[in-house]
């Protein structure tokens, strides 16, 4: 992994650790970004997508599981865990 990727990996892991009261072991993350811009040749609108995986790589079943969970959560198929 490049130095930039290592810094991103550290920052994301620190962010995730600060989201929960109970300690745990982070086993994976998938970061997806979209950047809007314009094609350099013809000026047409363009979207660039970037994917970053924990440690630079994850098994396919972990990536797909995280993406499936995110889809279900955003569509309302996953109930949040109660604090009680």
PDB file of N, CA and C in Angstrom:
ATOM      1  N   UNK A   1       0.839  -1.183   0.000  1.00  0.00           N
ATOM      2  CA  UNK A   1       0.000   0.000   0.000  1.00  0.00           C
ATOM      3  C   UNK A   1       0.878   1.237   0.000  1.00  0.00           C
ATOM      4  N   UNK A   2       0.392   2.277  -0.671  1.00  0.00           N
ATOM      5  CA  UNK A   2       1.138   3.533  -0.718  1.00  0.00           C
ATOM      6  C   UNK A   2       1.022   4.248   0.630  1.00  0.00           C
ATOM      7  N   UNK A   3       1.828   5.265   0.824  1.00  0.00           N
ATOM      8  CA  UNK A   3       1.767   6.045   2.065  1.00  0.00           C
ATOM      9  C   UNK A   3       0.385   6.690   2.233  1.00  0.00           C
ATOM     10  N   UNK A   4      -0.192   7.196   1.141  1.00  0.00           N
ATOM     11  CA  UNK A   4      -1.537   7.771   1.201  1.00  0.00           C
ATOM     12  C   UNK A   4      -2.571   6.733   1.625  1.00  0.00           C
ATOM     13  N   UNK A   5      -2.452   5.517   1.092  1.00  0.00           N
ATOM     14  CA  UNK A   5      -3.391   4.450   1.446  1.00  0.00           C
ATOM     15  C   UNK A   5      -3.236   4.053   2.914  1.00  0.00           C
ATOM     16  N   UNK A   6      -2.005   4.017   3.397  1.00  0.00           N
ATOM     17  CA  UNK A   6      -1.770   3.688   4.811  1.00  0.00           C
ATOM     18  C   UNK A   6      -2.378   4.747   5.721  1.00  0.00           C
ATOM     19  N   UNK A   7      -2.223   6.022   5.355  1.00  0.00           N
ATOM     20  CA  UNK A   7      -2.793   7.099   6.159  1.00  0.00           C
ATOM     21  C   UNK A   7      -4.319   7.035   6.161  1.00  0.00           C
ATOM     22  N   UNK A   8      -4.910   6.759   4.990  1.00  0.00           N
ATOM     23  CA  UNK A   8      -6.358   6.619   4.905  1.00  0.00           C
ATOM     24  C   UNK A   8      -6.827   5.455   5.765  1.00  0.00           C
ATOM     25  N   UNK A   9      -6.142   4.333   5.679  1.00  0.00           N
ATOM     26  CA  UNK A   9      -6.500   3.144   6.442  1.00  0.00           C
ATOM     27  C   UNK A   9      -6.483   3.457   7.942  1.00  0.00           C
ATOM     28  N   UNK A  10      -5.445   4.126   8.404  1.00  0.00           N
ATOM     29  CA  UNK A  10      -5.352   4.495   9.823  1.00  0.00           C
ATOM     30  C   UNK A  10      -6.490   5.430  10.225  1.00  0.00           C
ATOM     31  N   UNK A  11      -6.780   6.427   9.376  1.00  0.00           N
ATOM     32  CA  UNK A  11      -7.828   7.401   9.686  1.00  0.00           C
ATOM     33  C   UNK A  11      -9.210   6.749   9.743  1.00  0.00           C
ATOM     34  N   UNK A  12      -9.505   5.865   8.800  1.00  0.00           N
ATOM     35  CA  UNK A  12     -10.813   5.202   8.786  1.00  0.00           C
ATOM     36  C   UNK A  12     -10.948   4.293  10.002  1.00  0.00           C
ATOM     37  N   UNK A  13      -9.900   3.550  10.323  1.00  0.00           N
ATOM     38  CA  UNK A  13      -9.967   2.671  11.485  1.00  0.00           C
ATOM     39  C   UNK A  13     -10.168   3.469  12.771  1.00  0.00           C
ATOM     40  N   UNK A  14      -9.501   4.604  12.902  1.00  0.00           N
ATOM     41  CA  UNK A  14      -9.673   5.456  14.082  1.00  0.00           C
ATOM     42  C   UNK A  14     -11.100   6.009  14.134  1.00  0.00           C
ATOM     43  N   UNK A  15     -11.621   6.431  12.987  1.00  0.00           N
ATOM     44  CA  UNK A  15     -12.994   6.936  12.921  1.00  0.00           C
ATOM     45  C   UNK A  15     -13.982   5.868  13.388  1.00  0.00           C
ATOM     46  N   UNK A  16     -13.838   4.649  12.888  1.00  0.00           N
ATOM     47  CA  UNK A  16     -14.763   3.567  13.241  1.00  0.00           C
ATOM     48  C   UNK A  16     -14.683   3.265  14.740  1.00  0.00           C
ATOM     49  N   UNK A  17     -13.476   3.219  15.283  1.00  0.00           N
ATOM     50  CA  UNK A  17     -13.311   2.936  16.725  1.00  0.00           C
ATOM     51  C   UNK A  17     -14.032   3.970  17.582  1.00  0.00           C
ATOM     52  N   UNK A  18     -14.107   5.211  17.111  1.00  0.00           N
ATOM     53  CA  UNK A  18     -14.741   6.281  17.880  1.00  0.00           C
ATOM     54  C   UNK A  18     -16.252   6.316  17.739  1.00  0.00           C
ATOM     55  N   UNK A  19     -16.844   5.428  16.959  1.00  0.00           N
ATOM     56  CA  UNK A  19     -18.283   5.404  16.744  1.00  0.00           C
ATOM     57  C   UNK A  19     -19.027   4.526  17.734  1.00  0.00           C
ATOM     58  N   UNK A  20     -18.315   3.704  18.488  1.00  0.00           N
ATOM     59  CA  UNK A  20     -18.957   2.728  19.371  1.00  0.00           C
ATOM     60  C   UNK A  20     -18.406   2.846  20.782  1.00  0.00           C
ATOM     61  N   UNK A  21     -19.287   2.622  21.766  1.00  0.00           N
ATOM     62  CA  UNK A  21     -18.859   2.668  23.162  1.00  0.00           C
ATOM     63  C   UNK A  21     -18.117   1.411  23.568  1.00  0.00           C
ATOM     64  N   UNK A  22     -18.503   0.286  23.012  1.00  0.00           N
ATOM     65  CA  UNK A  22     -17.867  -0.975  23.399  1.00  0.00           C
ATOM     66  C   UNK A  22     -16.712  -1.287  22.446  1.00  0.00           C
ATOM     67  N   UNK A  23     -15.600  -1.735  23.011  1.00  0.00           N
ATOM     68  CA  UNK A  23     -14.457  -2.057  22.142  1.00  0.00           C
ATOM     69  C   UNK A  23     -14.738  -3.306  21.316  1.00  0.00           C
ATOM     70  N   UNK A  24     -14.162  -3.354  20.162  1.00  0.00           N
ATOM     71  CA  UNK A  24     -14.310  -4.509  19.290  1.00  0.00           C
ATOM     72  C   UNK A  24     -13.134  -4.568  18.344  1.00  0.00           C
ATOM     73  N   UNK A  25     -13.150  -5.544  17.502  1.00  0.00           N
ATOM     74  CA  UNK A  25     -12.083  -5.717  16.516  1.00  0.00           C
ATOM     75  C   UNK A  25     -12.664  -5.410  15.143  1.00  0.00           C
ATOM     76  N   UNK A  26     -12.128  -4.401  14.499  1.00  0.00           N
ATOM     77  CA  UNK A  26     -12.575  -4.046  13.157  1.00  0.00           C
ATOM     78  C   UNK A  26     -12.099  -5.130  12.198  1.00  0.00           C
ATOM     79  N   UNK A  27     -13.043  -5.739  11.498  1.00  0.00           N
ATOM     80  CA  UNK A  27     -12.687  -6.842  10.594  1.00  0.00           C
ATOM     81  C   UNK A  27     -12.747  -6.464   9.130  1.00  0.00           C
ATOM     82  N   UNK A  28     -13.270  -5.279   8.812  1.00  0.00           N
ATOM     83  CA  UNK A  28     -13.288  -4.874   7.421  1.00  0.00           C
ATOM     84  C   UNK A  28     -14.044  -3.585   7.221  1.00  0.00           C
ATOM     85  N   UNK A  29     -13.680  -2.886   6.163  1.00  0.00           N
ATOM     86  CA  UNK A  29     -14.453  -1.739   5.718  1.00  0.00           C
ATOM     87  C   UNK A  29     -14.301  -1.590   4.218  1.00  0.00           C
ATOM     88  N   UNK A  30     -15.328  -1.002   3.621  1.00  0.00           N
ATOM     89  CA  UNK A  30     -15.313  -0.645   2.204  1.00  0.00           C
ATOM     90  C   UNK A  30     -15.672   0.837   2.142  1.00  0.00           C
ATOM     91  N   UNK A  31     -14.804   1.632   1.594  1.00  0.00           N
ATOM     92  CA  UNK A  31     -15.063   3.052   1.418  1.00  0.00           C
ATOM     93  C   UNK A  31     -15.290   3.285  -0.065  1.00  0.00           C
ATOM     94  N   UNK A  32     -16.406   3.937  -0.383  1.00  0.00           N
ATOM     95  CA  UNK A  32     -16.742   4.230  -1.772  1.00  0.00           C
ATOM     96  C   UNK A  32     -16.923   5.731  -1.892  1.00  0.00           C
ATOM     97  N   UNK A  33     -16.277   6.322  -2.876  1.00  0.00           N
ATOM     98  CA  UNK A  33     -16.438   7.758  -3.084  1.00  0.00           C
ATOM     99  C   UNK A  33     -16.806   8.031  -4.533  1.00  0.00           C
ATOM    100  N   UNK A  34     -17.466   9.158  -4.740  1.00  0.00           N
ATOM    101  CA  UNK A  34     -17.823   9.608  -6.090  1.00  0.00           C
ATOM    102  C   UNK A  34     -17.360  11.054  -6.235  1.00  0.00           C
ATOM    103  N   UNK A  35     -16.735  11.336  -7.340  1.00  0.00           N
ATOM    104  CA  UNK A  35     -16.233  12.682  -7.613  1.00  0.00           C
ATOM    105  C   UNK A  35     -16.809  13.145  -8.951  1.00  0.00           C
ATOM    106  N   UNK A  36     -17.545  14.252  -8.911  1.00  0.00           N
ATOM    107  CA  UNK A  36     -18.147  14.808 -10.121  1.00  0.00           C
ATOM    108  C   UNK A  36     -17.152  15.736 -10.804  1.00  0.00           C
ATOM    109  N   UNK A  37     -17.095  15.658 -12.104  1.00  0.00           N
ATOM    110  CA  UNK A  37     -16.194  16.526 -12.858  1.00  0.00           C
ATOM    111  C   UNK A  37     -16.586  16.537 -14.327  1.00  0.00           C
ATOM    112  N   UNK A  38     -15.617  16.874 -15.147  1.00  0.00           N
ATOM    113  CA  UNK A  38     -15.850  16.963 -16.583  1.00  0.00           C
ATOM    114  C   UNK A  38     -14.750  16.236 -17.331  1.00  0.00           C
ATOM    115  N   UNK A  39     -15.118  15.547 -18.385  1.00  0.00           N
ATOM    116  CA  UNK A  39     -14.158  14.810 -19.202  1.00  0.00           C
ATOM    117  C   UNK A  39     -13.185  15.806 -19.835  1.00  0.00           C
ATOM    118  N   UNK A  40     -11.879  15.520 -19.743  1.00  0.00           N
ATOM    119  CA  UNK A  40     -10.901  16.486 -20.251  1.00  0.00           C
ATOM    120  C   UNK A  40     -10.937  16.686 -21.772  1.00  0.00           C
ATOM    121  N   UNK A  41     -11.414  15.687 -22.508  1.00  0.00           N
ATOM    122  CA  UNK A  41     -11.419  15.803 -23.970  1.00  0.00           C
ATOM    123  C   UNK A  41     -12.570  16.641 -24.514  1.00  0.00           C
ATOM    124  N   UNK A  42     -13.792  16.362 -24.011  1.00  0.00           N
ATOM    125  CA  UNK A  42     -14.955  17.029 -24.602  1.00  0.00           C
ATOM    126  C   UNK A  42     -15.778  17.844 -23.605  1.00  0.00           C
ATOM    127  N   UNK A  43     -15.368  17.873 -22.355  1.00  0.00           N
ATOM    128  CA  UNK A  43     -16.078  18.662 -21.354  1.00  0.00           C
ATOM    129  C   UNK A  43     -17.387  18.073 -20.880  1.00  0.00           C
ATOM    130  N   UNK A  44     -17.699  16.848 -21.311  1.00  0.00           N
ATOM    131  CA  UNK A  44     -18.934  16.194 -20.888  1.00  0.00           C
ATOM    132  C   UNK A  44     -18.863  15.878 -19.388  1.00  0.00           C
ATOM    133  N   UNK A  45     -19.999  15.942 -18.689  1.00  0.00           N
ATOM    134  CA  UNK A  45     -20.002  15.581 -17.274  1.00  0.00           C
ATOM    135  C   UNK A  45     -19.499  14.148 -17.083  1.00  0.00           C
ATOM    136  N   UNK A  46     -18.754  13.946 -16.021  1.00  0.00           N
ATOM    137  CA  UNK A  46     -18.196  12.623 -15.732  1.00  0.00           C
ATOM    138  C   UNK A  46     -18.172  12.408 -14.225  1.00  0.00           C
ATOM    139  N   UNK A  47     -18.324  11.175 -13.825  1.00  0.00           N
ATOM    140  CA  UNK A  47     -18.227  10.797 -12.419  1.00  0.00           C
ATOM    141  C   UNK A  47     -17.118   9.774 -12.273  1.00  0.00           C
ATOM    142  N   UNK A  48     -16.215  10.021 -11.359  1.00  0.00           N
ATOM    143  CA  UNK A  48     -15.146   9.076 -11.047  1.00  0.00           C
ATOM    144  C   UNK A  48     -15.460   8.427  -9.710  1.00  0.00           C
ATOM    145  N   UNK A  49     -15.365   7.120  -9.662  1.00  0.00           N
ATOM    146  CA  UNK A  49     -15.609   6.370  -8.439  1.00  0.00           C
ATOM    147  C   UNK A  49     -14.287   5.795  -7.934  1.00  0.00           C
ATOM    148  N   UNK A  50     -14.137   5.798  -6.609  1.00  0.00           N
ATOM    149  CA  UNK A  50     -12.947   5.244  -5.978  1.00  0.00           C
ATOM    150  C   UNK A  50     -13.390   4.277  -4.889  1.00  0.00           C
ATOM    151  N   UNK A  51     -12.723   3.161  -4.801  1.00  0.00           N
ATOM    152  CA  UNK A  51     -12.971   2.176  -3.757  1.00  0.00           C
ATOM    153  C   UNK A  51     -11.707   2.023  -2.924  1.00  0.00           C
ATOM    154  N   UNK A  52     -11.863   1.972  -1.619  1.00  0.00           N
ATOM    155  CA  UNK A  52     -10.747   1.697  -0.725  1.00  0.00           C
ATOM    156  C   UNK A  52     -11.181   0.585   0.217  1.00  0.00           C
ATOM    157  N   UNK A  53     -10.341  -0.408   0.374  1.00  0.00           N
ATOM    158  CA  UNK A  53     -10.645  -1.565   1.214  1.00  0.00           C
ATOM    159  C   UNK A  53      -9.694  -1.598   2.400  1.00  0.00           C
ATOM    160  N   UNK A  54     -10.174  -2.062   3.536  1.00  0.00           N
ATOM    161  CA  UNK A  54      -9.333  -2.173   4.719  1.00  0.00           C
ATOM    162  C   UNK A  54      -8.081  -2.975   4.391  1.00  0.00           C
ATOM    163  N   UNK A  55      -6.932  -2.406   4.701  1.00  0.00           N
ATOM    164  CA  UNK A  55      -5.677  -3.095   4.454  1.00  0.00           C
ATOM    165  C   UNK A  55      -5.319  -3.209   2.986  1.00  0.00           C
ATOM    166  N   UNK A  56      -6.092  -2.569   2.112  1.00  0.00           N
ATOM    167  CA  UNK A  56      -5.822  -2.624   0.680  1.00  0.00           C
ATOM    168  C   UNK A  56      -6.475  -3.774  -0.038  1.00  0.00           C
ATOM    169  N   UNK A  57      -7.013  -4.755   0.706  1.00  0.00           N
ATOM    170  CA  UNK A  57      -7.657  -5.904   0.073  1.00  0.00           C
ATOM    171  C   UNK A  57      -8.494  -6.638   1.110  1.00  0.00           C
ATOM    172  N   UNK A  58      -9.583  -7.201   0.671  1.00  0.00           N
ATOM    173  CA  UNK A  58     -10.449  -8.026   1.511  1.00  0.00           C
ATOM    174  C   UNK A  58     -10.979  -9.171   0.667  1.00  0.00           C
ATOM    175  N   UNK A  59     -11.331 -10.294   1.307  1.00  0.00           N
ATOM    176  CA  UNK A  59     -11.961 -11.375   0.547  1.00  0.00           C
ATOM    177  C   UNK A  59     -13.291 -10.904  -0.046  1.00  0.00           C
ATOM    178  N   UNK A  60     -13.639 -11.446  -1.188  1.00  0.00           N
ATOM    179  CA  UNK A  60     -14.860 -11.047  -1.890  1.00  0.00           C
ATOM    180  C   UNK A  60     -16.100 -11.197  -1.019  1.00  0.00           C
ATOM    181  N   UNK A  61     -16.172 -12.269  -0.214  1.00  0.00           N
ATOM    182  CA  UNK A  61     -17.379 -12.470   0.604  1.00  0.00           C
ATOM    183  C   UNK A  61     -17.513 -11.383   1.668  1.00  0.00           C
ATOM    184  N   UNK A  62     -16.422 -10.825   2.148  1.00  0.00           N
ATOM    185  CA  UNK A  62     -16.484  -9.746   3.137  1.00  0.00           C
ATOM    186  C   UNK A  62     -16.954  -8.456   2.455  1.00  0.00           C
ATOM    187  N   UNK A  63     -16.385  -8.148   1.294  1.00  0.00           N
ATOM    188  CA  UNK A  63     -16.784  -6.949   0.546  1.00  0.00           C
ATOM    189  C   UNK A  63     -18.277  -7.007   0.220  1.00  0.00           C
ATOM    190  N   UNK A  64     -18.720  -8.115  -0.348  1.00  0.00           N
ATOM    191  CA  UNK A  64     -20.123  -8.247  -0.733  1.00  0.00           C
ATOM    192  C   UNK A  64     -21.048  -8.215   0.482  1.00  0.00           C
ATOM    193  N   UNK A  65     -20.618  -8.818   1.577  1.00  0.00           N
ATOM    194  CA  UNK A  65     -21.421  -8.790   2.803  1.00  0.00           C
ATOM    195  C   UNK A  65     -21.592  -7.375   3.333  1.00  0.00           C
ATOM    196  N   UNK A  66     -20.519  -6.591   3.330  1.00  0.00           N
ATOM    197  CA  UNK A  66     -20.610  -5.206   3.781  1.00  0.00           C
ATOM    198  C   UNK A  66     -21.509  -4.380   2.868  1.00  0.00           C
ATOM    199  N   UNK A  67     -21.365  -4.567   1.568  1.00  0.00           N
ATOM    200  CA  UNK A  67     -22.209  -3.827   0.619  1.00  0.00           C
ATOM    201  C   UNK A  67     -23.673  -4.229   0.751  1.00  0.00           C
ATOM    202  N   UNK A  68     -23.944  -5.533   0.918  1.00  0.00           N
ATOM    203  CA  UNK A  68     -25.321  -5.999   1.109  1.00  0.00           C
ATOM    204  C   UNK A  68     -25.924  -5.407   2.377  1.00  0.00           C
ATOM    205  N   UNK A  69     -25.147  -5.387   3.455  1.00  0.00           N
ATOM    206  CA  UNK A  69     -25.631  -4.829   4.716  1.00  0.00           C
ATOM    207  C   UNK A  69     -25.963  -3.347   4.542  1.00  0.00           C
ATOM    208  N   UNK A  70     -25.067  -2.597   3.887  1.00  0.00           N
ATOM    209  CA  UNK A  70     -25.295  -1.163   3.677  1.00  0.00           C
ATOM    210  C   UNK A  70     -26.569  -0.934   2.869  1.00  0.00           C
ATOM    211  N   UNK A  71     -26.778  -1.725   1.816  1.00  0.00           N
ATOM    212  CA  UNK A  71     -27.999  -1.581   1.012  1.00  0.00           C
ATOM    213  C   UNK A  71     -29.240  -1.832   1.854  1.00  0.00           C
ATOM    214  N   UNK A  72     -29.224  -2.898   2.636  1.00  0.00           N
ATOM    215  CA  UNK A  72     -30.379  -3.224   3.468  1.00  0.00           C
ATOM    216  C   UNK A  72     -30.630  -2.128   4.497  1.00  0.00           C
ATOM    217  N   UNK A  73     -29.578  -1.604   5.103  1.00  0.00           N
ATOM    218  CA  UNK A  73     -29.732  -0.560   6.113  1.00  0.00           C
ATOM    219  C   UNK A  73     -30.316   0.710   5.506  1.00  0.00           C
ATOM    220  N   UNK A  74     -29.821   1.115   4.341  1.00  0.00           N
ATOM    221  CA  UNK A  74     -30.322   2.328   3.708  1.00  0.00           C
ATOM    222  C   UNK A  74     -31.744   2.172   3.199  1.00  0.00           C
ATOM    223  N   UNK A  75     -32.139   0.956   2.901  1.00  0.00           N
ATOM    224  CA  UNK A  75     -33.502   0.720   2.427  1.00  0.00           C
ATOM    225  C   UNK A  75     -34.463   0.435   3.575  1.00  0.00           C
ATOM    226  N   UNK A  76     -33.960   0.463   4.791  1.00  0.00           N
ATOM    227  CA  UNK A  76     -34.815   0.276   5.951  1.00  0.00           C
ATOM    228  C   UNK A  76     -35.007  -1.160   6.369  1.00  0.00           C
ATOM    229  N   UNK A  77     -34.220  -2.069   5.821  1.00  0.00           N
ATOM    230  CA  UNK A  77     -34.367  -3.480   6.165  1.00  0.00           C
ATOM    231  C   UNK A  77     -33.590  -3.905   7.392  1.00  0.00           C
ATOM    232  N   UNK A  78     -32.826  -2.986   7.967  1.00  0.00           N
ATOM    233  CA  UNK A  78     -32.039  -3.310   9.154  1.00  0.00           C
ATOM    234  C   UNK A  78     -32.444  -2.353  10.263  1.00  0.00           C
ATOM    235  N   UNK A  79     -32.857  -2.906  11.396  1.00  0.00           N
ATOM    236  CA  UNK A  79     -33.237  -2.060  12.520  1.00  0.00           C
ATOM    237  C   UNK A  79     -31.993  -1.710  13.328  1.00  0.00           C
ATOM    238  N   UNK A  80     -31.875  -0.441  13.764  1.00  0.00           N
ATOM    239  CA  UNK A  80     -30.724  -0.071  14.590  1.00  0.00           C
ATOM    240  C   UNK A  80     -30.738  -0.810  15.914  1.00  0.00           C
ATOM    241  N   UNK A  81     -29.581  -1.027  16.475  1.00  0.00           N
ATOM    242  CA  UNK A  81     -29.458  -1.673  17.781  1.00  0.00           C
ATOM    243  C   UNK A  81     -29.858  -0.678  18.843  1.00  0.00           C
ATOM    244  N   UNK A  82     -30.728  -1.098  19.755  1.00  0.00           N
ATOM    245  CA  UNK A  82     -31.184  -0.213  20.833  1.00  0.00           C
ATOM    246  C   UNK A  82     -30.088  -0.020  21.856  1.00  0.00           C
ATOM    247  N   UNK A  83     -30.025   1.178  22.435  1.00  0.00           N
ATOM    248  CA  UNK A  83     -29.053   1.461  23.491  1.00  0.00           C
ATOM    249  C   UNK A  83     -29.517   0.941  24.832  1.00  0.00           C
ATOM    250  N   UNK A  84     -30.744   0.463  24.913  1.00  0.00           N
ATOM    251  CA  UNK A  84     -31.305  -0.003  26.197  1.00  0.00           C
ATOM    252  C   UNK A  84     -30.942  -1.425  26.463  1.00  0.00           C
TER     253      UNK A  84
END
